[in-house]
Amino acid sequence: MAFQVSVAPAVIDYLNACDGLTEADRQRIVEGIYDELGEGADHFLARNPHPFLPDRFGYDFGLMTEALEFRYFVFSCSAEGHIYGVSEVLYVEERPEDDG
C-alpha cells in the first residue's frame, strides 16, 4: 500500500538546525523519508513498533553526507492515519554512529 507522508514542521526545523548538513543533505533526508515511508510505512510499523503505543513506530535513516560523514537519524512516526493511507513523521533526533 502506498502512503501519503506528512512531516511535522518541528522535524524540518530540527534538520535545518543540524550543524554540518548541507541543503542537499537535508533534501536527501526528506526525500528518503517520503520515498521509504511512502512505499511501505506499514512494513516499518510491523518491524519497529513502539513498545507501549500501538499506533507509533520508529524509522531509522542513515546518510553519507556531501562531506563524507555518516549521519544517523531516528524518527518517531504515527500510524494513526494508516487506515486512510497517511503516515506522519512526528519527531526526530540524531544519534551517534556508535550508539547502536
PDB file of N, CA and C in Angstrom:
ATOM      1  N   MET A   1       0.831  -1.183   0.000  1.00  0.00           N
ATOM      2  CA  MET A   1       0.000   0.000   0.000  1.00  0.00           C
ATOM      3  C   MET A   1       0.876   1.247   0.000  1.00  0.00           C
ATOM      4  N   ALA A   2       0.552   2.196  -0.817  1.00  0.00           N
ATOM      5  CA  ALA A   2       1.280   3.462  -0.849  1.00  0.00           C
ATOM      6  C   ALA A   2       0.682   4.418   0.177  1.00  0.00           C
ATOM      7  N   PHE A   3       1.539   5.220   0.788  1.00  0.00           N
ATOM      8  CA  PHE A   3       1.118   6.162   1.820  1.00  0.00           C
ATOM      9  C   PHE A   3       1.471   7.586   1.435  1.00  0.00           C
ATOM     10  N   GLN A   4       0.605   8.493   1.823  1.00  0.00           N
ATOM     11  CA  GLN A   4       0.936   9.908   1.773  1.00  0.00           C
ATOM     12  C   GLN A   4       1.686  10.185   3.069  1.00  0.00           C
ATOM     13  N   VAL A   5       2.818  10.856   2.987  1.00  0.00           N
ATOM     14  CA  VAL A   5       3.649  11.099   4.162  1.00  0.00           C
ATOM     15  C   VAL A   5       3.575  12.577   4.542  1.00  0.00           C
ATOM     16  N   SER A   6       3.360  12.813   5.819  1.00  0.00           N
ATOM     17  CA  SER A   6       3.326  14.165   6.369  1.00  0.00           C
ATOM     18  C   SER A   6       4.476  14.296   7.368  1.00  0.00           C
ATOM     19  N   VAL A   7       5.263  15.353   7.225  1.00  0.00           N
ATOM     20  CA  VAL A   7       6.393  15.583   8.123  1.00  0.00           C
ATOM     21  C   VAL A   7       6.091  16.820   8.958  1.00  0.00           C
ATOM     22  N   ALA A   8       6.149  16.668  10.270  1.00  0.00           N
ATOM     23  CA  ALA A   8       5.861  17.779  11.183  1.00  0.00           C
ATOM     24  C   ALA A   8       6.874  18.906  10.992  1.00  0.00           C
ATOM     25  N   PRO A   9       6.428  20.155  11.101  1.00  0.00           N
ATOM     26  CA  PRO A   9       7.353  21.287  10.981  1.00  0.00           C
ATOM     27  C   PRO A   9       8.527  21.213  11.964  1.00  0.00           C
ATOM     28  N   ALA A  10       8.313  20.666  13.148  1.00  0.00           N
ATOM     29  CA  ALA A  10       9.397  20.539  14.130  1.00  0.00           C
ATOM     30  C   ALA A  10      10.509  19.626  13.622  1.00  0.00           C
ATOM     31  N   VAL A  11      10.157  18.628  12.817  1.00  0.00           N
ATOM     32  CA  VAL A  11      11.166  17.728  12.236  1.00  0.00           C
ATOM     33  C   VAL A  11      12.019  18.500  11.233  1.00  0.00           C
ATOM     34  N   ILE A  12      11.379  19.281  10.385  1.00  0.00           N
ATOM     35  CA  ILE A  12      12.121  20.091   9.414  1.00  0.00           C
ATOM     36  C   ILE A  12      12.999  21.105  10.140  1.00  0.00           C
ATOM     37  N   ASP A  13      12.476  21.734  11.177  1.00  0.00           N
ATOM     38  CA  ASP A  13      13.260  22.693  11.968  1.00  0.00           C
ATOM     39  C   ASP A  13      14.486  22.031  12.571  1.00  0.00           C
ATOM     40  N   TYR A  14      14.315  20.813  13.090  1.00  0.00           N
ATOM     41  CA  TYR A  14      15.437  20.084  13.684  1.00  0.00           C
ATOM     42  C   TYR A  14      16.517  19.824  12.633  1.00  0.00           C
ATOM     43  N   LEU A  15      16.105  19.334  11.474  1.00  0.00           N
ATOM     44  CA  LEU A  15      17.074  19.044  10.411  1.00  0.00           C
ATOM     45  C   LEU A  15      17.782  20.317   9.953  1.00  0.00           C
ATOM     46  N   ASN A  16      17.048  21.411   9.872  1.00  0.00           N
ATOM     47  CA  ASN A  16      17.658  22.684   9.467  1.00  0.00           C
ATOM     48  C   ASN A  16      18.678  23.180  10.480  1.00  0.00           C
ATOM     49  N   ALA A  17      18.512  22.795  11.742  1.00  0.00           N
ATOM     50  CA  ALA A  17      19.417  23.236  12.804  1.00  0.00           C
ATOM     51  C   ALA A  17      20.630  22.319  12.977  1.00  0.00           C
ATOM     52  N   CYS A  18      20.674  21.198  12.283  1.00  0.00           N
ATOM     53  CA  CYS A  18      21.795  20.258  12.427  1.00  0.00           C
ATOM     54  C   CYS A  18      23.047  20.816  11.762  1.00  0.00           C
ATOM     55  N   ASP A  19      24.077  21.021  12.559  1.00  0.00           N
ATOM     56  CA  ASP A  19      25.348  21.507  12.029  1.00  0.00           C
ATOM     57  C   ASP A  19      25.965  20.479  11.092  1.00  0.00           C
ATOM     58  N   GLY A  20      26.613  20.966  10.064  1.00  0.00           N
ATOM     59  CA  GLY A  20      27.351  20.097   9.164  1.00  0.00           C
ATOM     60  C   GLY A  20      26.542  19.500   8.030  1.00  0.00           C
ATOM     61  N   LEU A  21      25.234  19.712   8.020  1.00  0.00           N
ATOM     62  CA  LEU A  21      24.423  19.229   6.898  1.00  0.00           C
ATOM     63  C   LEU A  21      24.282  20.341   5.869  1.00  0.00           C
ATOM     64  N   THR A  22      24.504  19.992   4.621  1.00  0.00           N
ATOM     65  CA  THR A  22      24.264  20.963   3.556  1.00  0.00           C
ATOM     66  C   THR A  22      22.783  20.936   3.196  1.00  0.00           C
ATOM     67  N   GLU A  23      22.358  21.897   2.400  1.00  0.00           N
ATOM     68  CA  GLU A  23      20.969  21.908   1.947  1.00  0.00           C
ATOM     69  C   GLU A  23      20.676  20.646   1.139  1.00  0.00           C
ATOM     70  N   ALA A  24      21.646  20.199   0.354  1.00  0.00           N
ATOM     71  CA  ALA A  24      21.470  18.963  -0.431  1.00  0.00           C
ATOM     72  C   ALA A  24      21.333  17.751   0.486  1.00  0.00           C
ATOM     73  N   ASP A  25      22.093  17.714   1.591  1.00  0.00           N
ATOM     74  CA  ASP A  25      21.971  16.620   2.559  1.00  0.00           C
ATOM     75  C   ASP A  25      20.562  16.599   3.156  1.00  0.00           C
ATOM     76  N   ARG A  26      20.081  17.765   3.554  1.00  0.00           N
ATOM     77  CA  ARG A  26      18.738  17.850   4.136  1.00  0.00           C
ATOM     78  C   ARG A  26      17.681  17.390   3.132  1.00  0.00           C
ATOM     79  N   GLN A  27      17.849  17.808   1.899  1.00  0.00           N
ATOM     80  CA  GLN A  27      16.905  17.425   0.851  1.00  0.00           C
ATOM     81  C   GLN A  27      16.895  15.914   0.651  1.00  0.00           C
ATOM     82  N   ARG A  28      18.074  15.297   0.683  1.00  0.00           N
ATOM     83  CA  ARG A  28      18.153  13.844   0.529  1.00  0.00           C
ATOM     84  C   ARG A  28      17.470  13.124   1.685  1.00  0.00           C
ATOM     85  N   ILE A  29      17.594  13.657   2.914  1.00  0.00           N
ATOM     86  CA  ILE A  29      16.922  13.052   4.065  1.00  0.00           C
ATOM     87  C   ILE A  29      15.415  13.119   3.875  1.00  0.00           C
ATOM     88  N   VAL A  30      14.905  14.291   3.550  1.00  0.00           N
ATOM     89  CA  VAL A  30      13.456  14.463   3.400  1.00  0.00           C
ATOM     90  C   VAL A  30      12.932  13.608   2.246  1.00  0.00           C
ATOM     91  N   GLU A  31      13.641  13.592   1.134  1.00  0.00           N
ATOM     92  CA  GLU A  31      13.210  12.757   0.011  1.00  0.00           C
ATOM     93  C   GLU A  31      13.232  11.279   0.390  1.00  0.00           C
ATOM     94  N   GLY A  32      14.243  10.866   1.170  1.00  0.00           N
ATOM     95  CA  GLY A  32      14.316   9.486   1.631  1.00  0.00           C
ATOM     96  C   GLY A  32      13.136   9.113   2.503  1.00  0.00           C
ATOM     97  N   ILE A  33      12.744  10.031   3.387  1.00  0.00           N
ATOM     98  CA  ILE A  33      11.577   9.800   4.242  1.00  0.00           C
ATOM     99  C   ILE A  33      10.336   9.596   3.382  1.00  0.00           C
ATOM    100  N   TYR A  34      10.106  10.525   2.460  1.00  0.00           N
ATOM    101  CA  TYR A  34       8.916  10.435   1.606  1.00  0.00           C
ATOM    102  C   TYR A  34       8.929   9.159   0.769  1.00  0.00           C
ATOM    103  N   ASP A  35      10.088   8.802   0.229  1.00  0.00           N
ATOM    104  CA  ASP A  35      10.167   7.608  -0.624  1.00  0.00           C
ATOM    105  C   ASP A  35       9.945   6.330   0.181  1.00  0.00           C
ATOM    106  N   GLU A  36      10.731   6.155   1.259  1.00  0.00           N
ATOM    107  CA  GLU A  36      10.666   4.895   2.003  1.00  0.00           C
ATOM    108  C   GLU A  36       9.356   4.721   2.752  1.00  0.00           C
ATOM    109  N   LEU A  37       8.924   5.748   3.464  1.00  0.00           N
ATOM    110  CA  LEU A  37       7.662   5.615   4.191  1.00  0.00           C
ATOM    111  C   LEU A  37       6.481   5.608   3.232  1.00  0.00           C
ATOM    112  N   GLY A  38       6.595   6.342   2.153  1.00  0.00           N
ATOM    113  CA  GLY A  38       5.517   6.354   1.168  1.00  0.00           C
ATOM    114  C   GLY A  38       5.288   4.996   0.534  1.00  0.00           C
ATOM    115  N   GLU A  39       6.358   4.248   0.383  1.00  0.00           N
ATOM    116  CA  GLU A  39       6.250   2.922  -0.231  1.00  0.00           C
ATOM    117  C   GLU A  39       5.893   1.830   0.765  1.00  0.00           C
ATOM    118  N   GLY A  40       6.217   2.018   2.054  1.00  0.00           N
ATOM    119  CA  GLY A  40       5.995   0.892   2.960  1.00  0.00           C
ATOM    120  C   GLY A  40       5.963   1.230   4.430  1.00  0.00           C
ATOM    121  N   ALA A  41       5.207   2.254   4.810  1.00  0.00           N
ATOM    122  CA  ALA A  41       5.131   2.606   6.231  1.00  0.00           C
ATOM    123  C   ALA A  41       4.600   1.449   7.069  1.00  0.00           C
ATOM    124  N   ASP A  42       3.703   0.651   6.493  1.00  0.00           N
ATOM    125  CA  ASP A  42       3.165  -0.484   7.240  1.00  0.00           C
ATOM    126  C   ASP A  42       4.255  -1.509   7.560  1.00  0.00           C
ATOM    127  N   HIS A  43       5.230  -1.640   6.680  1.00  0.00           N
ATOM    128  CA  HIS A  43       6.370  -2.530   6.927  1.00  0.00           C
ATOM    129  C   HIS A  43       7.173  -2.046   8.136  1.00  0.00           C
ATOM    130  N   PHE A  44       7.428  -0.731   8.211  1.00  0.00           N
ATOM    131  CA  PHE A  44       8.184  -0.185   9.336  1.00  0.00           C
ATOM    132  C   PHE A  44       7.394  -0.310  10.641  1.00  0.00           C
ATOM    133  N   LEU A  45       6.081  -0.140  10.564  1.00  0.00           N
ATOM    134  CA  LEU A  45       5.234  -0.324  11.749  1.00  0.00           C
ATOM    135  C   LEU A  45       5.338  -1.764  12.257  1.00  0.00           C
ATOM    136  N   ALA A  46       5.303  -2.732  11.355  1.00  0.00           N
ATOM    137  CA  ALA A  46       5.387  -4.143  11.745  1.00  0.00           C
ATOM    138  C   ALA A  46       6.772  -4.495  12.275  1.00  0.00           C
ATOM    139  N   ARG A  47       7.804  -3.885  11.704  1.00  0.00           N
ATOM    140  CA  ARG A  47       9.185  -4.221  12.054  1.00  0.00           C
ATOM    141  C   ARG A  47       9.689  -3.499  13.305  1.00  0.00           C
ATOM    142  N   ASN A  48       9.203  -2.286  13.548  1.00  0.00           N
ATOM    143  CA  ASN A  48       9.748  -1.495  14.649  1.00  0.00           C
ATOM    144  C   ASN A  48       8.640  -0.743  15.401  1.00  0.00           C
ATOM    145  N   PRO A  49       7.665  -1.481  15.968  1.00  0.00           N
ATOM    146  CA  PRO A  49       6.578  -0.807  16.691  1.00  0.00           C
ATOM    147  C   PRO A  49       7.069  -0.192  17.998  1.00  0.00           C
ATOM    148  N   HIS A  50       6.393   0.835  18.436  1.00  0.00           N
ATOM    149  CA  HIS A  50       6.677   1.427  19.748  1.00  0.00           C
ATOM    150  C   HIS A  50       6.262   0.402  20.807  1.00  0.00           C
ATOM    151  N   PRO A  51       7.031   0.256  21.879  1.00  0.00           N
ATOM    152  CA  PRO A  51       6.709  -0.785  22.863  1.00  0.00           C
ATOM    153  C   PRO A  51       5.420  -0.548  23.655  1.00  0.00           C
ATOM    154  N   PHE A  52       4.944   0.695  23.744  1.00  0.00           N
ATOM    155  CA  PHE A  52       3.766   0.980  24.561  1.00  0.00           C
ATOM    156  C   PHE A  52       2.611   1.626  23.794  1.00  0.00           C
ATOM    157  N   LEU A  53       2.899   2.224  22.650  1.00  0.00           N
ATOM    158  CA  LEU A  53       1.873   2.927  21.883  1.00  0.00           C
ATOM    159  C   LEU A  53       1.638   2.193  20.563  1.00  0.00           C
ATOM    160  N   PRO A  54       0.497   1.545  20.416  1.00  0.00           N
ATOM    161  CA  PRO A  54       0.277   0.680  19.253  1.00  0.00           C
ATOM    162  C   PRO A  54       0.211   1.405  17.917  1.00  0.00           C
ATOM    163  N   ASP A  55      -0.025   2.715  17.926  1.00  0.00           N
ATOM    164  CA  ASP A  55      -0.115   3.445  16.665  1.00  0.00           C
ATOM    165  C   ASP A  55       1.144   4.258  16.361  1.00  0.00           C
ATOM    166  N   ARG A  56       2.254   3.928  17.035  1.00  0.00           N
ATOM    167  CA  ARG A  56       3.526   4.621  16.812  1.00  0.00           C
ATOM    168  C   ARG A  56       4.596   3.607  16.406  1.00  0.00           C
ATOM    169  N   PHE A  57       5.561   4.087  15.626  1.00  0.00           N
ATOM    170  CA  PHE A  57       6.668   3.228  15.231  1.00  0.00           C
ATOM    171  C   PHE A  57       7.910   4.060  14.983  1.00  0.00           C
ATOM    172  N   GLY A  58       9.045   3.385  15.002  1.00  0.00           N
ATOM    173  CA  GLY A  58      10.319   4.032  14.747  1.00  0.00           C
ATOM    174  C   GLY A  58      10.772   3.815  13.315  1.00  0.00           C
ATOM    175  N   TYR A  59      11.509   4.771  12.826  1.00  0.00           N
ATOM    176  CA  TYR A  59      12.060   4.705  11.476  1.00  0.00           C
ATOM    177  C   TYR A  59      13.463   5.299  11.531  1.00  0.00           C
ATOM    178  N   ASP A  60      14.453   4.556  11.079  1.00  0.00           N
ATOM    179  CA  ASP A  60      15.848   4.996  11.103  1.00  0.00           C
ATOM    180  C   ASP A  60      16.289   5.368   9.698  1.00  0.00           C
ATOM    181  N   PHE A  61      17.126   6.391   9.621  1.00  0.00           N
ATOM    182  CA  PHE A  61      17.627   6.828   8.316  1.00  0.00           C
ATOM    183  C   PHE A  61      19.099   7.174   8.454  1.00  0.00           C
ATOM    184  N   GLY A  62      19.926   6.518   7.670  1.00  0.00           N
ATOM    185  CA  GLY A  62      21.352   6.810   7.639  1.00  0.00           C
ATOM    186  C   GLY A  62      21.705   7.539   6.363  1.00  0.00           C
ATOM    187  N   LEU A  63      22.661   8.457   6.456  1.00  0.00           N
ATOM    188  CA  LEU A  63      23.036   9.280   5.306  1.00  0.00           C
ATOM    189  C   LEU A  63      24.539   9.480   5.275  1.00  0.00           C
ATOM    190  N   MET A  64      25.137   9.275   4.113  1.00  0.00           N
ATOM    191  CA  MET A  64      26.517   9.679   3.884  1.00  0.00           C
ATOM    192  C   MET A  64      26.444  11.091   3.314  1.00  0.00           C
ATOM    193  N   THR A  65      26.929  12.050   4.064  1.00  0.00           N
ATOM    194  CA  THR A  65      26.795  13.453   3.674  1.00  0.00           C
ATOM    195  C   THR A  65      27.753  13.798   2.533  1.00  0.00           C
ATOM    196  N   GLU A  66      27.575  15.009   2.019  1.00  0.00           N
ATOM    197  CA  GLU A  66      28.490  15.502   0.985  1.00  0.00           C
ATOM    198  C   GLU A  66      29.911  15.636   1.529  1.00  0.00           C
ATOM    199  N   ALA A  67      30.048  15.803   2.853  1.00  0.00           N
ATOM    200  CA  ALA A  67      31.362  15.895   3.498  1.00  0.00           C
ATOM    201  C   ALA A  67      31.916  14.515   3.842  1.00  0.00           C
ATOM    202  N   LEU A  68      31.246  13.462   3.365  1.00  0.00           N
ATOM    203  CA  LEU A  68      31.641  12.069   3.588  1.00  0.00           C
ATOM    204  C   LEU A  68      31.623  11.675   5.063  1.00  0.00           C
ATOM    205  N   GLU A  69      30.654  12.195   5.791  1.00  0.00           N
ATOM    206  CA  GLU A  69      30.406  11.804   7.176  1.00  0.00           C
ATOM    207  C   GLU A  69      29.114  11.005   7.206  1.00  0.00           C
ATOM    208  N   PHE A  70      29.108   9.942   8.014  1.00  0.00           N
ATOM    209  CA  PHE A  70      27.872   9.170   8.160  1.00  0.00           C
ATOM    210  C   PHE A  70      27.059   9.787   9.281  1.00  0.00           C
ATOM    211  N   ARG A  71      25.787  10.096   8.997  1.00  0.00           N
ATOM    212  CA  ARG A  71      24.876  10.662   9.988  1.00  0.00           C
ATOM    213  C   ARG A  71      23.684   9.726  10.111  1.00  0.00           C
ATOM    214  N   TYR A  72      23.230   9.525  11.344  1.00  0.00           N
ATOM    215  CA  TYR A  72      22.182   8.554  11.632  1.00  0.00           C
ATOM    216  C   TYR A  72      21.046   9.249  12.387  1.00  0.00           C
ATOM    217  N   PHE A  73      19.841   9.192  11.845  1.00  0.00           N
ATOM    218  CA  PHE A  73      18.679   9.853  12.417  1.00  0.00           C
ATOM    219  C   PHE A  73      17.610   8.826  12.764  1.00  0.00           C
ATOM    220  N   VAL A  74      16.956   9.040  13.900  1.00  0.00           N
ATOM    221  CA  VAL A  74      15.868   8.175  14.356  1.00  0.00           C
ATOM    222  C   VAL A  74      14.595   9.023  14.395  1.00  0.00           C
ATOM    223  N   PHE A  75      13.585   8.556  13.688  1.00  0.00           N
ATOM    224  CA  PHE A  75      12.318   9.270  13.592  1.00  0.00           C
ATOM    225  C   PHE A  75      11.231   8.508  14.343  1.00  0.00           C
ATOM    226  N   SER A  76      10.330   9.234  14.980  1.00  0.00           N
ATOM    227  CA  SER A  76       9.130   8.648  15.573  1.00  0.00           C
ATOM    228  C   SER A  76       7.960   9.011  14.678  1.00  0.00           C
ATOM    229  N   CYS A  77       7.180   8.003  14.336  1.00  0.00           N
ATOM    230  CA  CYS A  77       6.104   8.178  13.362  1.00  0.00           C
ATOM    231  C   CYS A  77       4.777   7.685  13.922  1.00  0.00           C
ATOM    232  N   SER A  78       3.709   8.220  13.343  1.00  0.00           N
ATOM    233  CA  SER A  78       2.364   7.825  13.732  1.00  0.00           C
ATOM    234  C   SER A  78       1.715   7.008  12.628  1.00  0.00           C
ATOM    235  N   ALA A  79       1.099   5.907  13.026  1.00  0.00           N
ATOM    236  CA  ALA A  79       0.347   5.068  12.102  1.00  0.00           C
ATOM    237  C   ALA A  79      -1.155   5.287  12.264  1.00  0.00           C
ATOM    238  N   GLU A  80      -1.523   6.298  13.022  1.00  0.00           N
ATOM    239  CA  GLU A  80      -2.932   6.581  13.279  1.00  0.00           C
ATOM    240  C   GLU A  80      -3.740   6.712  11.987  1.00  0.00           C
ATOM    241  N   GLY A  81      -3.130   7.303  10.964  1.00  0.00           N
ATOM    242  CA  GLY A  81      -3.831   7.518   9.705  1.00  0.00           C
ATOM    243  C   GLY A  81      -3.607   6.447   8.662  1.00  0.00           C
ATOM    244  N   HIS A  82      -2.950   5.341   9.028  1.00  0.00           N
ATOM    245  CA  HIS A  82      -2.654   4.295   8.039  1.00  0.00           C
ATOM    246  C   HIS A  82      -3.914   3.758   7.377  1.00  0.00           C
ATOM    247  N   ILE A  83      -5.004   3.687   8.095  1.00  0.00           N
ATOM    248  CA  ILE A  83      -6.250   3.196   7.508  1.00  0.00           C
ATOM    249  C   ILE A  83      -6.700   4.092   6.347  1.00  0.00           C
ATOM    250  N   TYR A  84      -6.261   5.351   6.380  1.00  0.00           N
ATOM    251  CA  TYR A  84      -6.592   6.306   5.321  1.00  0.00           C
ATOM    252  C   TYR A  84      -5.436   6.513   4.342  1.00  0.00           C
ATOM    253  N   GLY A  85      -4.342   5.751   4.546  1.00  0.00           N
ATOM    254  CA  GLY A  85      -3.192   5.868   3.659  1.00  0.00           C
ATOM    255  C   GLY A  85      -2.266   7.025   3.987  1.00  0.00           C
ATOM    256  N   VAL A  86      -2.266   7.448   5.264  1.00  0.00           N
ATOM    257  CA  VAL A  86      -1.434   8.575   5.686  1.00  0.00           C
ATOM    258  C   VAL A  86      -0.497   8.125   6.806  1.00  0.00           C
ATOM    259  N   SER A  87       0.771   8.490   6.691  1.00  0.00           N
ATOM    260  CA  SER A  87       1.752   8.236   7.741  1.00  0.00           C
ATOM    261  C   SER A  87       2.381   9.567   8.125  1.00  0.00           C
ATOM    262  N   GLU A  88       2.530   9.805   9.423  1.00  0.00           N
ATOM    263  CA  GLU A  88       3.054  11.080   9.903  1.00  0.00           C
ATOM    264  C   GLU A  88       4.390  10.897  10.606  1.00  0.00           C
ATOM    265  N   VAL A  89       5.341  11.760  10.291  1.00  0.00           N
ATOM    266  CA  VAL A  89       6.630  11.795  10.976  1.00  0.00           C
ATOM    267  C   VAL A  89       6.528  12.916  12.012  1.00  0.00           C
ATOM    268  N   LEU A  90       6.627  12.532  13.289  1.00  0.00           N
ATOM    269  CA  LEU A  90       6.348  13.465  14.377  1.00  0.00           C
ATOM    270  C   LEU A  90       7.579  14.028  15.062  1.00  0.00           C
ATOM    271  N   TYR A  91       8.677  13.270  15.080  1.00  0.00           N
ATOM    272  CA  TYR A  91       9.834  13.633  15.910  1.00  0.00           C
ATOM    273  C   TYR A  91      11.088  13.041  15.289  1.00  0.00           C
ATOM    274  N   VAL A  92      12.215  13.697  15.518  1.00  0.00           N
ATOM    275  CA  VAL A  92      13.499  13.178  15.049  1.00  0.00           C
ATOM    276  C   VAL A  92      14.589  13.549  16.049  1.00  0.00           C
ATOM    277  N   GLU A  93      15.563  12.684  16.131  1.00  0.00           N
ATOM    278  CA  GLU A  93      16.795  13.022  16.836  1.00  0.00           C
ATOM    279  C   GLU A  93      17.944  12.328  16.135  1.00  0.00           C
ATOM    280  N   GLU A  94      19.094  12.961  16.209  1.00  0.00           N
ATOM    281  CA  GLU A  94      20.286  12.366  15.616  1.00  0.00           C
ATOM    282  C   GLU A  94      20.987  11.545  16.673  1.00  0.00           C
ATOM    283  N   ARG A  95      21.452  10.384  16.270  1.00  0.00           N
ATOM    284  CA  ARG A  95      22.179   9.510  17.187  1.00  0.00           C
ATOM    285  C   ARG A  95      23.610   9.357  16.673  1.00  0.00           C
ATOM    286  N   PRO A  96      24.542   9.262  17.591  1.00  0.00           N
ATOM    287  CA  PRO A  96      25.922   8.992  17.167  1.00  0.00           C
ATOM    288  C   PRO A  96      25.993   7.643  16.459  1.00  0.00           C
ATOM    289  N   GLU A  97      26.925   7.540  15.541  1.00  0.00           N
ATOM    290  CA  GLU A  97      27.074   6.316  14.749  1.00  0.00           C
ATOM    291  C   GLU A  97      27.311   5.097  15.622  1.00  0.00           C
ATOM    292  N   ASP A  98      28.027   5.244  16.727  1.00  0.00           N
ATOM    293  CA  ASP A  98      28.368   4.105  17.581  1.00  0.00           C
ATOM    294  C   ASP A  98      27.377   3.914  18.727  1.00  0.00           C
ATOM    295  N   ASP A  99      26.189   4.534  18.665  1.00  0.00           N
ATOM    296  CA  ASP A  99      25.204   4.452  19.743  1.00  0.00           C
ATOM    297  C   ASP A  99      24.403   3.157  19.707  1.00  0.00           C
ATOM    298  N   GLY A 100      24.573   2.374  18.635  1.00  0.00           N
ATOM    299  CA  GLY A 100      23.948   1.090  18.459  1.00  0.00           C
ATOM    300  C   GLY A 100      22.613   0.964  18.974  1.00  0.00           C
TER     301      GLY A 100
END
